[in-house]
N, C-alpha and C. Protein backbone atom coordinates (compact mmCIF):
# COMPACT_ATOMS: atom_id res chain seq x y z
N UNK A 1 -53.23 45.38 -49.46
CA UNK A 1 -52.88 45.75 -50.81
C UNK A 1 -53.38 44.72 -51.80
N UNK A 2 -53.23 43.46 -51.46
CA UNK A 2 -53.68 42.41 -52.37
C UNK A 2 -55.19 42.42 -52.51
N UNK A 3 -55.90 42.74 -51.41
CA UNK A 3 -57.36 42.70 -51.46
C UNK A 3 -57.93 43.92 -52.18
N UNK A 4 -57.11 44.93 -52.42
CA UNK A 4 -57.58 46.11 -53.12
C UNK A 4 -58.16 47.15 -52.18
N UNK A 5 -58.09 46.91 -50.92
CA UNK A 5 -58.62 47.84 -49.94
C UNK A 5 -57.76 49.10 -49.86
N UNK A 6 -56.47 48.94 -50.05
CA UNK A 6 -55.53 50.05 -49.95
C UNK A 6 -54.95 50.28 -51.34
N UNK A 7 -55.11 51.50 -51.86
CA UNK A 7 -54.56 51.78 -53.20
C UNK A 7 -53.15 52.32 -53.08
N UNK A 8 -52.36 52.06 -54.10
CA UNK A 8 -50.97 52.51 -54.12
C UNK A 8 -50.56 52.78 -55.56
N UNK A 9 -49.41 53.39 -55.71
CA UNK A 9 -48.86 53.64 -57.04
C UNK A 9 -47.49 52.97 -57.10
N UNK A 10 -47.08 52.58 -58.29
CA UNK A 10 -45.79 51.94 -58.48
C UNK A 10 -44.94 52.90 -59.29
N UNK A 11 -43.70 53.19 -58.79
CA UNK A 11 -42.82 54.10 -59.53
C UNK A 11 -42.01 53.29 -60.54
N UNK A 12 -41.12 53.97 -61.23
CA UNK A 12 -40.33 53.33 -62.28
C UNK A 12 -39.42 52.24 -61.77
N UNK A 13 -38.98 52.28 -60.52
CA UNK A 13 -38.08 51.27 -59.97
C UNK A 13 -38.86 50.08 -59.41
N UNK A 14 -40.18 50.09 -59.48
CA UNK A 14 -40.99 48.98 -59.01
C UNK A 14 -41.36 49.09 -57.53
N UNK A 15 -41.08 50.24 -56.92
CA UNK A 15 -41.42 50.42 -55.52
C UNK A 15 -42.87 50.87 -55.39
N UNK A 16 -43.54 50.38 -54.40
CA UNK A 16 -44.93 50.76 -54.15
C UNK A 16 -44.94 51.99 -53.25
N UNK A 17 -45.78 52.94 -53.62
CA UNK A 17 -45.94 54.18 -52.83
C UNK A 17 -47.39 54.29 -52.40
N UNK A 18 -47.56 54.53 -51.06
CA UNK A 18 -48.90 54.69 -50.50
C UNK A 18 -49.00 56.12 -50.00
N UNK A 19 -50.07 56.79 -50.39
CA UNK A 19 -50.30 58.17 -49.95
C UNK A 19 -50.74 58.15 -48.48
N UNK A 20 -50.31 59.16 -47.70
CA UNK A 20 -50.67 59.24 -46.28
C UNK A 20 -52.18 59.37 -46.10
N UNK A 21 -52.83 60.10 -47.00
CA UNK A 21 -54.29 60.25 -46.93
C UNK A 21 -54.99 58.91 -47.13
N UNK A 22 -54.41 58.08 -47.98
CA UNK A 22 -54.99 56.76 -48.22
C UNK A 22 -54.86 55.88 -46.96
N UNK A 23 -53.71 55.96 -46.28
CA UNK A 23 -53.56 55.23 -45.02
C UNK A 23 -54.55 55.70 -43.97
N UNK A 24 -54.76 57.04 -43.92
CA UNK A 24 -55.70 57.60 -42.95
C UNK A 24 -57.13 57.13 -43.26
N UNK A 25 -57.44 56.98 -44.53
CA UNK A 25 -58.77 56.52 -44.91
C UNK A 25 -59.01 55.08 -44.48
N UNK A 26 -58.01 54.22 -44.68
CA UNK A 26 -58.17 52.80 -44.37
C UNK A 26 -57.99 52.54 -42.87
N UNK A 27 -57.01 53.20 -42.27
CA UNK A 27 -56.72 53.02 -40.84
C UNK A 27 -56.85 54.35 -40.13
N UNK A 28 -58.08 54.74 -39.78
CA UNK A 28 -58.26 56.06 -39.16
C UNK A 28 -57.62 56.11 -37.77
N UNK A 29 -56.90 57.20 -37.53
CA UNK A 29 -56.30 57.45 -36.21
C UNK A 29 -56.90 58.75 -35.72
N UNK A 30 -57.96 58.62 -34.92
CA UNK A 30 -58.65 59.82 -34.46
C UNK A 30 -57.94 60.39 -33.25
N UNK A 31 -57.93 61.70 -33.17
CA UNK A 31 -57.27 62.38 -32.06
C UNK A 31 -58.02 62.11 -30.75
N UNK A 32 -59.33 61.93 -30.81
CA UNK A 32 -60.10 61.68 -29.60
C UNK A 32 -59.70 60.35 -28.98
N UNK A 33 -59.52 59.33 -29.80
CA UNK A 33 -59.12 58.03 -29.27
C UNK A 33 -57.72 58.10 -28.67
N UNK A 34 -56.83 58.82 -29.34
CA UNK A 34 -55.47 58.94 -28.81
C UNK A 34 -55.45 59.69 -27.49
N UNK A 35 -56.23 60.77 -27.38
CA UNK A 35 -56.20 61.53 -26.13
C UNK A 35 -56.84 60.73 -25.00
N UNK A 36 -57.91 59.97 -25.32
CA UNK A 36 -58.50 59.10 -24.31
C UNK A 36 -57.52 58.02 -23.89
N UNK A 37 -56.85 57.45 -24.87
CA UNK A 37 -55.88 56.41 -24.58
C UNK A 37 -54.73 56.96 -23.74
N UNK A 38 -54.27 58.16 -24.09
CA UNK A 38 -53.19 58.78 -23.32
C UNK A 38 -53.64 59.10 -21.90
N UNK A 39 -54.88 59.60 -21.76
CA UNK A 39 -55.41 59.93 -20.44
C UNK A 39 -55.54 58.66 -19.58
N UNK A 40 -56.06 57.60 -20.20
CA UNK A 40 -56.21 56.34 -19.48
C UNK A 40 -54.84 55.78 -19.08
N UNK A 41 -53.91 55.84 -20.02
CA UNK A 41 -52.56 55.34 -19.75
C UNK A 41 -51.91 56.15 -18.63
N UNK A 42 -52.09 57.47 -18.65
CA UNK A 42 -51.52 58.32 -17.60
C UNK A 42 -52.15 58.00 -16.25
N UNK A 43 -53.46 57.74 -16.22
CA UNK A 43 -54.13 57.41 -14.97
C UNK A 43 -53.63 56.08 -14.42
N UNK A 44 -53.44 55.11 -15.30
CA UNK A 44 -52.92 53.80 -14.88
C UNK A 44 -51.51 53.96 -14.32
N UNK A 45 -50.68 54.70 -15.02
CA UNK A 45 -49.31 54.92 -14.55
C UNK A 45 -49.29 55.67 -13.22
N UNK A 46 -50.17 56.63 -13.07
CA UNK A 46 -50.25 57.38 -11.82
C UNK A 46 -50.65 56.47 -10.66
N UNK A 47 -51.61 55.59 -10.91
CA UNK A 47 -52.05 54.64 -9.87
C UNK A 47 -50.92 53.67 -9.51
N UNK A 48 -50.20 53.20 -10.53
CA UNK A 48 -49.08 52.30 -10.27
C UNK A 48 -47.98 53.00 -9.48
N UNK A 49 -47.72 54.25 -9.82
CA UNK A 49 -46.71 55.02 -9.10
C UNK A 49 -47.10 55.20 -7.64
N UNK A 50 -48.35 55.51 -7.39
CA UNK A 50 -48.82 55.70 -6.02
C UNK A 50 -48.74 54.38 -5.23
N UNK A 51 -49.07 53.27 -5.88
CA UNK A 51 -48.98 51.96 -5.22
C UNK A 51 -47.53 51.64 -4.88
N UNK A 52 -46.61 51.94 -5.78
CA UNK A 52 -45.20 51.70 -5.51
C UNK A 52 -44.67 52.61 -4.41
N UNK A 53 -45.16 53.83 -4.36
CA UNK A 53 -44.76 54.74 -3.27
C UNK A 53 -45.22 54.21 -1.92
N UNK A 54 -46.47 53.71 -1.86
CA UNK A 54 -46.97 53.12 -0.60
C UNK A 54 -46.15 51.90 -0.22
N UNK A 55 -45.85 51.06 -1.20
CA UNK A 55 -45.05 49.87 -0.94
C UNK A 55 -43.65 50.26 -0.44
N UNK A 56 -43.06 51.26 -1.06
CA UNK A 56 -41.74 51.73 -0.66
C UNK A 56 -41.77 52.27 0.77
N UNK A 57 -42.81 53.04 1.11
CA UNK A 57 -42.93 53.58 2.47
C UNK A 57 -43.07 52.45 3.49
N UNK A 58 -43.84 51.41 3.14
CA UNK A 58 -44.01 50.28 4.05
C UNK A 58 -42.68 49.55 4.24
N UNK A 59 -41.93 49.35 3.16
CA UNK A 59 -40.64 48.69 3.26
C UNK A 59 -39.65 49.51 4.08
N UNK A 60 -39.67 50.81 3.92
CA UNK A 60 -38.79 51.67 4.70
C UNK A 60 -39.16 51.62 6.19
N UNK A 61 -40.46 51.57 6.48
CA UNK A 61 -40.91 51.45 7.86
C UNK A 61 -40.45 50.13 8.47
N UNK A 62 -40.58 49.05 7.72
CA UNK A 62 -40.13 47.74 8.18
C UNK A 62 -38.62 47.76 8.41
N UNK A 63 -37.89 48.37 7.49
CA UNK A 63 -36.44 48.45 7.60
C UNK A 63 -36.03 49.24 8.85
N UNK A 64 -36.71 50.35 9.12
CA UNK A 64 -36.42 51.14 10.31
C UNK A 64 -36.70 50.34 11.58
N UNK A 65 -37.81 49.58 11.59
CA UNK A 65 -38.16 48.76 12.74
C UNK A 65 -37.09 47.68 12.98
N UNK A 66 -36.68 47.02 11.91
CA UNK A 66 -35.66 45.98 12.04
C UNK A 66 -34.33 46.56 12.50
N UNK A 67 -33.99 47.74 12.00
CA UNK A 67 -32.75 48.39 12.42
C UNK A 67 -32.79 48.72 13.92
N UNK A 68 -33.94 49.21 14.40
CA UNK A 68 -34.08 49.52 15.83
C UNK A 68 -33.97 48.25 16.67
N UNK A 69 -34.60 47.17 16.21
CA UNK A 69 -34.52 45.90 16.94
C UNK A 69 -33.08 45.39 16.99
N UNK A 70 -32.37 45.52 15.87
CA UNK A 70 -30.99 45.07 15.82
C UNK A 70 -30.11 45.89 16.76
N UNK A 71 -30.32 47.20 16.79
CA UNK A 71 -29.56 48.06 17.70
C UNK A 71 -29.83 47.68 19.16
N UNK A 72 -31.09 47.42 19.50
CA UNK A 72 -31.44 47.03 20.87
C UNK A 72 -30.82 45.68 21.22
N UNK A 73 -30.86 44.76 20.29
CA UNK A 73 -30.28 43.44 20.52
C UNK A 73 -28.76 43.55 20.71
N UNK A 74 -28.13 44.38 19.92
CA UNK A 74 -26.68 44.58 20.04
C UNK A 74 -26.32 45.20 21.38
N UNK A 75 -27.11 46.17 21.84
CA UNK A 75 -26.86 46.79 23.15
C UNK A 75 -27.03 45.76 24.27
N UNK A 76 -28.06 44.92 24.16
CA UNK A 76 -28.28 43.89 25.17
C UNK A 76 -27.13 42.88 25.16
N UNK A 77 -26.67 42.50 23.97
CA UNK A 77 -25.55 41.57 23.88
C UNK A 77 -24.29 42.14 24.52
N UNK A 78 -24.01 43.42 24.26
CA UNK A 78 -22.84 44.05 24.88
C UNK A 78 -22.96 44.08 26.40
N UNK A 79 -24.16 44.35 26.91
CA UNK A 79 -24.39 44.38 28.35
C UNK A 79 -24.13 43.01 28.97
N UNK A 80 -24.68 41.97 28.34
CA UNK A 80 -24.49 40.61 28.86
C UNK A 80 -23.01 40.22 28.77
N UNK A 81 -22.35 40.61 27.69
CA UNK A 81 -20.92 40.30 27.55
C UNK A 81 -20.10 40.98 28.64
N UNK A 82 -20.43 42.22 28.96
CA UNK A 82 -19.72 42.94 30.03
C UNK A 82 -19.96 42.25 31.38
N UNK A 83 -21.19 41.81 31.62
CA UNK A 83 -21.48 41.11 32.87
C UNK A 83 -20.72 39.79 32.97
N UNK A 84 -20.67 39.05 31.86
CA UNK A 84 -19.94 37.79 31.87
C UNK A 84 -18.45 38.01 32.09
N UNK A 85 -17.91 39.02 31.45
CA UNK A 85 -16.49 39.33 31.63
C UNK A 85 -16.20 39.69 33.07
N UNK A 86 -17.09 40.49 33.67
CA UNK A 86 -16.89 40.88 35.07
C UNK A 86 -16.97 39.66 35.99
N UNK A 87 -17.88 38.75 35.71
CA UNK A 87 -18.00 37.54 36.54
C UNK A 87 -16.79 36.63 36.39
N UNK A 88 -16.28 36.52 35.18
CA UNK A 88 -15.17 35.60 34.94
C UNK A 88 -13.84 36.15 35.44
N UNK A 89 -13.69 37.47 35.50
CA UNK A 89 -12.40 38.04 35.91
C UNK A 89 -12.36 38.43 37.38
N UNK A 90 -13.46 38.60 38.02
CA UNK A 90 -13.47 39.01 39.43
C UNK A 90 -13.22 37.80 40.33
N UNK A 91 -12.21 37.89 41.24
CA UNK A 91 -11.99 36.79 42.18
C UNK A 91 -13.07 36.79 43.25
N UNK A 92 -13.44 35.65 43.69
CA UNK A 92 -14.46 35.54 44.74
C UNK A 92 -13.78 35.08 46.02
N UNK A 93 -14.39 35.38 47.16
CA UNK A 93 -13.82 35.05 48.46
C UNK A 93 -13.82 33.56 48.70
N UNK A 94 -14.81 32.85 48.22
CA UNK A 94 -14.87 31.41 48.49
C UNK A 94 -14.07 30.60 47.48
N UNK A 95 -13.49 31.25 46.51
CA UNK A 95 -12.71 30.55 45.50
C UNK A 95 -11.29 30.34 46.05
N UNK A 96 -10.78 29.13 46.06
CA UNK A 96 -9.44 28.89 46.58
C UNK A 96 -8.38 29.53 45.68
N UNK A 97 -7.31 29.98 46.31
CA UNK A 97 -6.22 30.57 45.53
C UNK A 97 -5.44 29.44 44.86
N UNK A 98 -4.69 29.75 43.84
CA UNK A 98 -3.93 28.71 43.15
C UNK A 98 -2.97 27.98 44.10
N UNK A 99 -2.62 26.77 43.74
CA UNK A 99 -1.80 25.91 44.59
C UNK A 99 -0.46 26.56 44.95
N UNK A 100 0.16 27.22 44.00
CA UNK A 100 1.45 27.86 44.26
C UNK A 100 1.34 28.91 45.35
N UNK A 101 0.29 29.70 45.34
CA UNK A 101 0.11 30.73 46.36
C UNK A 101 -0.17 30.09 47.73
N UNK A 102 -0.91 29.01 47.71
CA UNK A 102 -1.20 28.34 48.98
C UNK A 102 0.08 27.76 49.60
N UNK A 103 0.93 27.20 48.76
CA UNK A 103 2.19 26.64 49.27
C UNK A 103 3.08 27.75 49.82
N UNK A 104 3.17 28.87 49.05
CA UNK A 104 3.99 29.99 49.52
C UNK A 104 3.44 30.57 50.82
N UNK A 105 2.15 30.65 50.94
CA UNK A 105 1.54 31.14 52.18
C UNK A 105 1.85 30.21 53.35
N UNK A 106 1.77 28.91 53.12
CA UNK A 106 2.08 27.93 54.18
C UNK A 106 3.53 28.04 54.62
N UNK A 107 4.45 28.16 53.61
CA UNK A 107 5.87 28.32 53.93
C UNK A 107 6.13 29.59 54.71
N UNK A 108 5.48 30.66 54.32
CA UNK A 108 5.68 31.93 55.02
C UNK A 108 5.20 31.83 56.45
N UNK A 109 4.08 31.16 56.68
CA UNK A 109 3.58 31.00 58.05
C UNK A 109 4.50 30.11 58.87
N UNK A 110 5.03 29.09 58.27
CA UNK A 110 5.91 28.16 58.99
C UNK A 110 7.21 28.80 59.39
N UNK A 111 7.71 29.69 58.56
CA UNK A 111 9.03 30.27 58.84
C UNK A 111 8.92 31.71 59.35
N UNK A 112 7.73 32.19 59.55
CA UNK A 112 7.56 33.53 60.13
C UNK A 112 7.95 34.65 59.20
N UNK A 113 7.78 34.46 57.99
CA UNK A 113 8.14 35.55 57.04
C UNK A 113 7.14 36.62 57.06
């Protein structure tokens, strides 16, 4: 406005008014540029969306793999825990009986019970 490139009118209240045609003359907004810009922007967004979809699919695949590994590890842990429990609770033939039982057995043999 100061340089005189854009013309305007001043109303009675001192406000500046610029005609829309004057703005179009100084700052042309062609429909061809907008449609090209929109097409380019849509293509970029489409490519970004496709890249994110591929990334999401890869992450889901990794998640499924980790879930399967965790399930297998949990099953193996339960199996080992069951084996340990069976070993710790099962009496063995070579394991001596507690002292109290041995004394009672000796007494029973001595007195013919």
